[in-house]
Protein backbone atom coordinates (compact mmCIF):
# COMPACT_ATOMS: atom_id res chain seq x y z
CA UNK A 1 98.68 94.76 122.97
CA UNK A 2 101.95 94.51 121.08
CA UNK A 3 102.68 94.27 117.36
CA UNK A 4 102.50 90.45 117.45
CA UNK A 5 98.93 90.58 118.76
CA UNK A 6 98.07 93.29 116.24
CA UNK A 7 99.38 91.18 113.37
CA UNK A 8 97.40 88.16 114.54
CA UNK A 9 94.28 90.34 114.76
CA UNK A 10 94.51 91.89 111.28
CA UNK A 11 96.40 89.36 109.17
CA UNK A 12 93.24 87.95 107.57
CA UNK A 13 91.90 91.32 106.41
CA UNK A 14 93.92 91.53 103.16
CA UNK A 15 92.80 88.05 102.11
CA UNK A 16 89.12 88.79 102.69
CA UNK A 17 89.19 92.25 101.13
CA UNK A 18 90.75 90.81 97.96
CA UNK A 19 88.13 88.05 97.94
CA UNK A 20 85.25 90.51 98.37
CA UNK A 21 86.72 92.89 95.78
CA UNK A 22 86.95 90.07 93.25
CA UNK A 23 83.39 88.91 93.91
CA UNK A 24 81.99 92.44 93.61
CA UNK A 25 83.94 93.13 90.42
CA UNK A 26 82.94 89.88 88.70
CA UNK A 27 79.27 90.16 89.66
CA UNK A 28 79.22 93.83 88.71
CA UNK A 29 80.89 93.24 85.35
CA UNK A 30 78.68 90.29 84.45
CA UNK A 31 75.46 92.02 85.56
CA UNK A 32 76.64 95.35 84.14
CA UNK A 33 76.00 97.06 87.48
CA UNK A 34 78.26 100.08 87.80
CA UNK A 35 77.62 100.44 91.54
CA UNK A 36 78.88 96.91 92.23
CA UNK A 37 81.99 97.49 90.11
CA UNK A 38 82.59 100.77 91.94
CA UNK A 39 82.22 98.99 95.28
CA UNK A 40 84.71 96.34 94.11
CA UNK A 41 87.22 99.03 93.14
CA UNK A 42 86.87 100.72 96.54
CA UNK A 43 87.32 97.38 98.31
CA UNK A 44 90.45 96.71 96.20
CA UNK A 45 91.89 100.01 97.44
CA UNK A 46 91.00 99.04 101.01
CA UNK A 47 92.75 95.72 100.33
CA UNK A 48 95.96 97.57 99.49
CA UNK A 49 95.68 99.49 102.77
CA UNK A 50 95.09 96.23 104.64
CA UNK A 51 98.16 94.75 102.93
CA UNK A 52 100.20 97.68 104.22
CA UNK A 53 98.91 97.21 107.77
CA UNK A 54 99.49 93.45 107.74
CA UNK A 55 103.01 93.82 106.34
CA UNK A 56 103.92 96.58 108.77
CA UNK A 57 102.69 94.60 111.77
CA UNK A 58 104.15 91.39 110.34
CA UNK A 59 107.63 92.88 110.10
CA UNK A 60 107.49 93.86 113.76
CA UNK A 61 106.00 90.52 114.78
CA UNK A 62 108.72 88.60 112.90
CA UNK A 63 111.46 90.56 114.65
CA UNK A 64 109.96 89.85 118.06
CA UNK A 65 109.29 86.15 117.44
CA UNK A 66 112.69 85.48 115.82
CA UNK A 67 114.48 86.92 118.86
CA UNK A 68 112.27 85.34 121.51
CA UNK A 69 112.90 82.09 123.34
CA UNK A 70 111.28 79.00 121.78
CA UNK A 71 107.49 79.10 121.77
CA UNK A 72 105.46 75.87 121.88
CA UNK A 73 103.91 75.14 118.48
CA UNK A 74 105.75 77.93 116.63
CA UNK A 75 108.20 76.95 113.90
CA UNK A 76 110.45 79.98 113.50
CA UNK A 77 112.05 78.59 110.33
CA UNK A 78 108.75 79.14 108.50
CA UNK A 79 108.72 82.90 109.12
CA UNK A 80 111.10 83.81 106.28
CA UNK A 81 109.10 82.08 103.49
CA UNK A 82 105.94 83.75 104.82
CA UNK A 83 107.68 87.15 104.85
CA UNK A 84 108.89 86.68 101.28
CA UNK A 85 105.39 85.75 100.06
CA UNK A 86 103.96 88.73 101.94
CA UNK A 87 106.32 91.02 100.02
CA UNK A 88 105.00 89.69 96.71
CA UNK A 89 101.42 90.06 97.91
CA UNK A 90 102.06 93.61 99.10
CA UNK A 91 103.40 94.58 95.66
CA UNK A 92 100.45 92.96 93.85
CA UNK A 93 97.93 94.61 96.22
CA UNK A 94 99.53 98.04 95.71
CA UNK A 95 99.43 97.67 91.92
CA UNK A 96 95.83 96.48 92.05
CA UNK A 97 94.81 99.27 94.43
CA UNK A 98 96.58 101.84 92.25
CA UNK A 99 94.78 100.61 89.13
CA UNK A 100 91.46 100.70 91.00
CA UNK A 101 92.12 104.28 92.10
CA UNK A 102 93.05 105.22 88.54
CA UNK A 103 89.79 103.72 87.23
CA UNK A 104 87.75 105.61 89.82
CA UNK A 105 89.47 108.89 88.91
CA UNK A 106 88.89 108.28 85.19
CA UNK A 107 85.23 107.54 85.88
CA UNK A 108 84.88 110.68 88.00
CA UNK A 109 86.42 112.89 85.30
CA UNK A 110 84.82 111.29 82.22
CA UNK A 111 81.48 110.33 83.72
CA UNK A 112 82.08 106.67 82.88
CA UNK A 113 84.94 104.22 83.28
CA UNK A 114 86.63 102.01 80.70
CA UNK A 115 85.09 98.55 80.90
CA UNK A 116 88.34 96.97 79.69
CA UNK A 117 90.22 98.61 82.57
CA UNK A 118 87.72 97.32 85.13
CA UNK A 119 88.06 93.83 83.61
CA UNK A 120 91.85 94.10 83.80
CA UNK A 121 91.54 95.13 87.45
CA UNK A 122 89.32 92.10 88.18
CA UNK A 123 92.07 89.89 86.74
CA UNK A 124 94.69 91.76 88.78
CA UNK A 125 92.60 91.24 91.93
CA UNK A 126 92.36 87.52 91.13
CA UNK A 127 96.15 87.36 90.77
CA UNK A 128 96.59 89.31 94.01
CA UNK A 129 94.09 87.01 95.73
CA UNK A 130 96.06 83.94 94.66
CA UNK A 131 99.20 85.40 96.22
CA UNK A 132 97.24 86.31 99.37
CA UNK A 133 96.05 82.71 99.69
CA UNK A 134 99.62 81.38 99.44
CA UNK A 135 100.84 83.97 101.93
CA UNK A 136 98.06 83.03 104.35
CA UNK A 137 98.89 79.33 104.01
CA UNK A 138 102.57 79.96 104.73
CA UNK A 139 101.64 82.16 107.68
CA UNK A 140 99.30 79.53 109.06
CA UNK A 141 102.05 76.93 108.94
CA UNK A 142 104.12 79.00 111.40
CA UNK A 143 101.79 78.21 114.30
CA UNK A 144 99.36 75.58 113.02
CA UNK A 145 101.01 72.17 112.60
CA UNK A 146 97.81 70.78 111.07
CA UNK A 147 98.46 72.78 107.87
CA UNK A 148 102.15 71.96 107.59
CA UNK A 149 103.16 69.56 104.85
CA UNK A 150 103.25 66.01 106.20
CA UNK A 151 106.01 63.72 105.01
CA UNK A 152 105.68 60.04 105.80
CA UNK A 153 102.89 58.81 107.98
CA UNK A 154 99.72 60.66 108.82
CA UNK A 155 98.81 60.67 112.51
CA UNK A 156 96.45 62.43 114.84
CA UNK A 157 98.30 65.59 115.88
CA UNK A 158 97.70 65.60 119.63
CA UNK A 159 96.50 62.13 120.54
CA UNK A 160 99.71 60.29 119.66
CA UNK A 161 102.01 62.95 121.08
CA UNK A 162 100.29 62.91 124.45
CA UNK A 163 100.96 59.22 124.97
CA UNK A 164 97.60 57.90 123.80
CA UNK A 165 97.92 54.86 121.61
CA UNK A 166 96.24 54.44 118.26
CA UNK A 167 93.62 51.72 117.77
CA UNK A 168 96.12 49.76 115.64
CA UNK A 169 98.69 49.86 118.43
CA UNK A 170 96.09 48.83 121.00
CA UNK A 171 94.86 45.86 118.95
CA UNK A 172 98.45 44.74 118.29
CA UNK A 173 99.17 44.57 122.01
CA UNK A 174 95.99 42.68 122.88
CA UNK A 175 96.45 39.89 120.33
């Protein structure tokens, strides 16, 4: 297994950890359940660690793919926008994880945490999640043509490329 395979294996983990952290924080804050909020804070810290792992493996994967011969279905020009978005996400995840750690330390020392800080962290996780979603979309476009922006006509991705004719083309030739 090389760094490209590693990146493909772990690249969804930051997105899902941010999503789970947000859900736990919101439910915990609304239900006033400290254990759920604590779980959300821990998951936000794990999200920052996952962001580090995905960025580290992504940097190595980008270097390998950019310097490799052409690969079927891979658009190398889309790597740079994905890398740039990943940098923004990494920064947001680190800030969010740092705030979550700070809230846990305050709660450990004081016996209770500041509710306003936990609410602020939930908003920071939501912001981080929005950046993670954009980063994931840009990353998906590198290898998945079905999520690339389509300009002009919409067509079936594989059927028309393989020589199969559309029903409109077939009816035009029979009449």
